[in-house]
N, C-alpha and C. Protein backbone atom coordinates (compact mmCIF):
# COMPACT_ATOMS: atom_id res chain seq x y z
N UNK A 1 22.64 36.90 -29.16
CA UNK A 1 23.68 36.21 -29.92
C UNK A 1 25.03 36.81 -29.57
N UNK A 2 26.06 35.99 -29.63
CA UNK A 2 27.42 36.47 -29.51
C UNK A 2 28.27 35.67 -30.48
N UNK A 3 29.42 36.20 -30.80
CA UNK A 3 30.35 35.51 -31.69
C UNK A 3 31.37 34.79 -30.82
N UNK A 4 31.59 33.52 -31.09
CA UNK A 4 32.52 32.72 -30.31
C UNK A 4 33.51 32.03 -31.24
N UNK A 5 34.68 31.73 -30.70
CA UNK A 5 35.70 30.99 -31.44
C UNK A 5 35.22 29.56 -31.63
N UNK A 6 35.35 29.04 -32.84
CA UNK A 6 34.96 27.66 -33.14
C UNK A 6 36.21 26.81 -33.07
N UNK A 7 36.43 26.17 -31.93
CA UNK A 7 37.66 25.39 -31.71
C UNK A 7 37.75 24.16 -32.59
N UNK A 8 36.64 23.72 -33.17
CA UNK A 8 36.64 22.54 -34.01
C UNK A 8 36.92 22.86 -35.48
N UNK A 9 36.91 24.14 -35.84
CA UNK A 9 37.07 24.53 -37.25
C UNK A 9 38.49 24.25 -37.73
N UNK A 10 38.61 23.62 -38.86
CA UNK A 10 39.91 23.36 -39.50
C UNK A 10 40.22 24.40 -40.56
N UNK A 11 39.19 25.15 -40.97
CA UNK A 11 39.34 26.22 -41.96
C UNK A 11 38.29 27.28 -41.68
N UNK A 12 38.40 28.41 -42.35
CA UNK A 12 37.48 29.53 -42.12
C UNK A 12 36.05 29.09 -42.43
N UNK A 13 35.07 29.58 -41.73
CA UNK A 13 35.15 30.58 -40.66
C UNK A 13 35.57 29.95 -39.34
N UNK A 14 36.36 30.68 -38.58
CA UNK A 14 36.84 30.19 -37.29
C UNK A 14 35.98 30.68 -36.13
N UNK A 15 34.94 31.43 -36.44
CA UNK A 15 34.00 31.88 -35.42
C UNK A 15 32.59 31.50 -35.84
N UNK A 16 31.71 31.50 -34.88
CA UNK A 16 30.30 31.21 -35.16
C UNK A 16 29.44 31.94 -34.14
N UNK A 17 28.17 32.12 -34.47
CA UNK A 17 27.25 32.78 -33.56
C UNK A 17 26.69 31.77 -32.57
N UNK A 18 26.57 32.22 -31.32
CA UNK A 18 26.07 31.36 -30.25
C UNK A 18 24.89 32.07 -29.58
N UNK A 19 23.81 31.35 -29.37
CA UNK A 19 22.65 31.90 -28.66
C UNK A 19 23.01 32.06 -27.18
N UNK A 20 22.61 33.16 -26.57
CA UNK A 20 22.87 33.38 -25.16
C UNK A 20 21.55 33.57 -24.41
N UNK A 21 21.60 33.33 -23.12
CA UNK A 21 20.43 33.55 -22.28
C UNK A 21 20.15 35.05 -22.21
N UNK A 22 18.88 35.46 -22.06
CA UNK A 22 18.57 36.89 -21.99
C UNK A 22 19.36 37.65 -20.93
N UNK A 23 19.60 37.02 -19.77
CA UNK A 23 20.35 37.69 -18.71
C UNK A 23 21.78 38.02 -19.17
N UNK A 24 22.40 37.09 -19.89
CA UNK A 24 23.76 37.33 -20.39
C UNK A 24 23.75 38.40 -21.48
N UNK A 25 22.73 38.41 -22.30
CA UNK A 25 22.64 39.39 -23.37
C UNK A 25 22.46 40.81 -22.86
N UNK A 26 21.93 40.95 -21.66
CA UNK A 26 21.73 42.27 -21.07
C UNK A 26 22.96 42.80 -20.36
N UNK A 27 23.99 41.98 -20.19
CA UNK A 27 25.20 42.40 -19.49
C UNK A 27 26.11 43.19 -20.42
N UNK A 28 26.81 44.17 -19.84
CA UNK A 28 27.77 44.92 -20.63
C UNK A 28 29.01 44.07 -20.85
N UNK A 29 29.69 44.29 -21.96
CA UNK A 29 30.88 43.50 -22.29
C UNK A 29 32.13 44.03 -21.62
N UNK A 30 32.19 45.34 -21.44
CA UNK A 30 33.38 45.97 -20.86
C UNK A 30 32.96 46.80 -19.66
N UNK A 31 33.79 46.80 -18.62
CA UNK A 31 33.48 47.64 -17.46
C UNK A 31 34.13 49.01 -17.63
N UNK A 32 33.84 49.92 -16.73
CA UNK A 32 34.34 51.30 -16.83
C UNK A 32 35.86 51.36 -16.82
N UNK A 33 36.51 50.55 -15.99
CA UNK A 33 37.97 50.54 -15.94
C UNK A 33 38.56 50.11 -17.28
N UNK A 34 37.96 49.11 -17.91
CA UNK A 34 38.45 48.64 -19.21
C UNK A 34 38.27 49.72 -20.27
N UNK A 35 37.14 50.42 -20.24
CA UNK A 35 36.91 51.50 -21.21
C UNK A 35 37.95 52.61 -21.07
N UNK A 36 38.25 52.97 -19.82
CA UNK A 36 39.26 54.00 -19.59
C UNK A 36 40.63 53.50 -20.06
N UNK A 37 40.96 52.24 -19.81
CA UNK A 37 42.24 51.68 -20.25
C UNK A 37 42.35 51.71 -21.77
N UNK A 38 41.29 51.35 -22.47
CA UNK A 38 41.29 51.36 -23.94
C UNK A 38 41.44 52.78 -24.46
N UNK A 39 40.64 53.70 -23.92
CA UNK A 39 40.71 55.09 -24.38
C UNK A 39 42.09 55.69 -24.11
N UNK A 40 42.66 55.41 -22.95
CA UNK A 40 43.99 55.92 -22.61
C UNK A 40 45.04 55.37 -23.57
N UNK A 41 44.96 54.08 -23.89
CA UNK A 41 45.91 53.46 -24.82
C UNK A 41 45.79 54.09 -26.21
N UNK A 42 44.56 54.29 -26.68
CA UNK A 42 44.35 54.88 -28.01
C UNK A 42 44.89 56.30 -28.06
N UNK A 43 44.62 57.09 -27.02
CA UNK A 43 45.13 58.46 -26.99
C UNK A 43 46.65 58.49 -26.95
N UNK A 44 47.27 57.56 -26.24
CA UNK A 44 48.73 57.48 -26.21
C UNK A 44 49.28 57.14 -27.60
N UNK A 45 48.65 56.19 -28.26
CA UNK A 45 49.08 55.81 -29.62
C UNK A 45 48.93 56.99 -30.56
N UNK A 46 47.80 57.68 -30.50
CA UNK A 46 47.59 58.84 -31.36
C UNK A 46 48.61 59.94 -31.05
N UNK A 47 48.97 60.08 -29.78
CA UNK A 47 50.00 61.06 -29.41
C UNK A 47 51.36 60.70 -30.00
N UNK A 48 51.70 59.41 -29.96
CA UNK A 48 52.97 58.95 -30.53
C UNK A 48 52.98 59.14 -32.05
N UNK A 49 51.84 58.93 -32.68
CA UNK A 49 51.75 59.08 -34.14
C UNK A 49 51.57 60.54 -34.54
N UNK A 50 51.18 61.37 -33.60
CA UNK A 50 50.89 62.80 -33.84
C UNK A 50 49.76 62.99 -34.85
N UNK A 51 48.81 62.06 -34.83
CA UNK A 51 47.64 62.14 -35.69
C UNK A 51 46.63 61.08 -35.26
N UNK A 52 45.38 61.22 -35.71
CA UNK A 52 44.37 60.21 -35.36
C UNK A 52 44.78 58.83 -35.87
N UNK A 53 44.38 57.79 -35.14
CA UNK A 53 44.76 56.44 -35.51
C UNK A 53 43.55 55.51 -35.47
N UNK A 54 43.59 54.52 -36.35
CA UNK A 54 42.64 53.42 -36.35
C UNK A 54 43.32 52.32 -35.53
N UNK A 55 42.79 52.04 -34.35
CA UNK A 55 43.44 51.10 -33.44
C UNK A 55 42.54 49.87 -33.27
N UNK A 56 43.11 48.70 -33.53
CA UNK A 56 42.39 47.45 -33.29
C UNK A 56 42.90 46.87 -32.00
N UNK A 57 41.97 46.43 -31.14
CA UNK A 57 42.33 45.94 -29.83
C UNK A 57 41.45 44.75 -29.47
N UNK A 58 41.88 44.01 -28.46
CA UNK A 58 41.10 42.90 -27.92
C UNK A 58 41.32 42.85 -26.42
N UNK A 59 40.34 42.37 -25.71
CA UNK A 59 40.47 42.13 -24.28
C UNK A 59 40.25 40.64 -24.06
N UNK A 60 41.22 40.02 -23.40
CA UNK A 60 41.11 38.61 -23.03
C UNK A 60 41.26 38.56 -21.52
N UNK A 61 40.20 38.14 -20.86
CA UNK A 61 40.19 38.20 -19.40
C UNK A 61 40.26 39.66 -18.99
N UNK A 62 41.28 40.01 -18.24
CA UNK A 62 41.48 41.41 -17.83
C UNK A 62 42.61 42.08 -18.58
N UNK A 63 43.18 41.40 -19.59
CA UNK A 63 44.35 41.92 -20.30
C UNK A 63 43.94 42.58 -21.62
N UNK A 64 44.39 43.83 -21.82
CA UNK A 64 44.16 44.55 -23.07
C UNK A 64 45.31 44.26 -24.02
N UNK A 65 45.00 43.92 -25.24
CA UNK A 65 46.00 43.70 -26.28
C UNK A 65 45.75 44.68 -27.42
N UNK A 66 46.78 45.40 -27.81
CA UNK A 66 46.71 46.25 -29.00
C UNK A 66 47.15 45.36 -30.16
N UNK A 67 46.25 45.13 -31.11
CA UNK A 67 46.53 44.22 -32.22
C UNK A 67 47.25 44.94 -33.35
N UNK A 68 46.80 46.13 -33.67
CA UNK A 68 47.47 46.92 -34.71
C UNK A 68 46.96 48.34 -34.65
N UNK A 69 47.77 49.24 -35.11
CA UNK A 69 47.38 50.65 -35.18
C UNK A 69 47.97 51.25 -36.44
N UNK A 70 47.17 52.05 -37.10
CA UNK A 70 47.64 52.72 -38.32
C UNK A 70 47.03 54.11 -38.38
N UNK A 71 47.73 55.04 -38.99
CA UNK A 71 47.20 56.40 -39.09
C UNK A 71 45.93 56.44 -39.94
N UNK A 72 45.03 57.32 -39.55
CA UNK A 72 43.85 57.59 -40.38
C UNK A 72 44.26 58.68 -41.36
N UNK A 73 44.11 58.39 -42.62
CA UNK A 73 44.59 59.32 -43.66
C UNK A 73 43.47 60.11 -44.31
N UNK A 74 42.21 59.80 -43.98
CA UNK A 74 41.10 60.57 -44.53
C UNK A 74 40.78 61.73 -43.60
N UNK A 75 40.19 62.77 -44.15
CA UNK A 75 39.87 63.95 -43.35
C UNK A 75 38.80 63.61 -42.32
N UNK A 76 39.02 64.07 -41.09
CA UNK A 76 38.06 63.88 -40.01
C UNK A 76 37.67 65.22 -39.43
N UNK A 77 36.46 65.32 -38.89
CA UNK A 77 36.12 66.56 -38.19
C UNK A 77 36.95 66.66 -36.91
N UNK A 78 37.19 67.88 -36.43
CA UNK A 78 37.96 68.07 -35.21
C UNK A 78 37.17 67.49 -34.04
N UNK A 79 37.81 66.61 -33.28
CA UNK A 79 37.19 65.97 -32.13
C UNK A 79 37.94 66.38 -30.87
N UNK A 80 37.22 66.47 -29.77
CA UNK A 80 37.86 66.71 -28.48
C UNK A 80 37.58 65.51 -27.61
N UNK A 81 38.60 65.07 -26.87
CA UNK A 81 38.47 63.92 -26.01
C UNK A 81 38.44 64.35 -24.56
N UNK A 82 37.55 63.77 -23.82
CA UNK A 82 37.46 64.05 -22.39
C UNK A 82 37.45 62.74 -21.64
N UNK A 83 38.45 62.54 -20.78
CA UNK A 83 38.48 61.34 -19.94
C UNK A 83 38.57 61.82 -18.51
N UNK A 84 37.57 61.49 -17.73
CA UNK A 84 37.55 61.86 -16.33
C UNK A 84 38.07 60.68 -15.53
N UNK A 85 39.32 60.78 -15.06
CA UNK A 85 39.90 59.66 -14.31
C UNK A 85 40.02 59.98 -12.85
């Protein structure tokens, strides 16, 4: 199953579940380059905020969009990030 935009919807919900072929279901959604781009963007945002951030993002085609970012205000355990580029 995957969630798809319902272009015919005039009101919520604007998405619906769609059955996919097993071959499509076994494919990864994001490639390694996209994962590195997302992680790099999140780390840059967190650096600008000088604190951990909750970042919402979307990928359309090959374009990454940052939808919104806000500081995380609850206590988090210390995390270390490693990106091998």
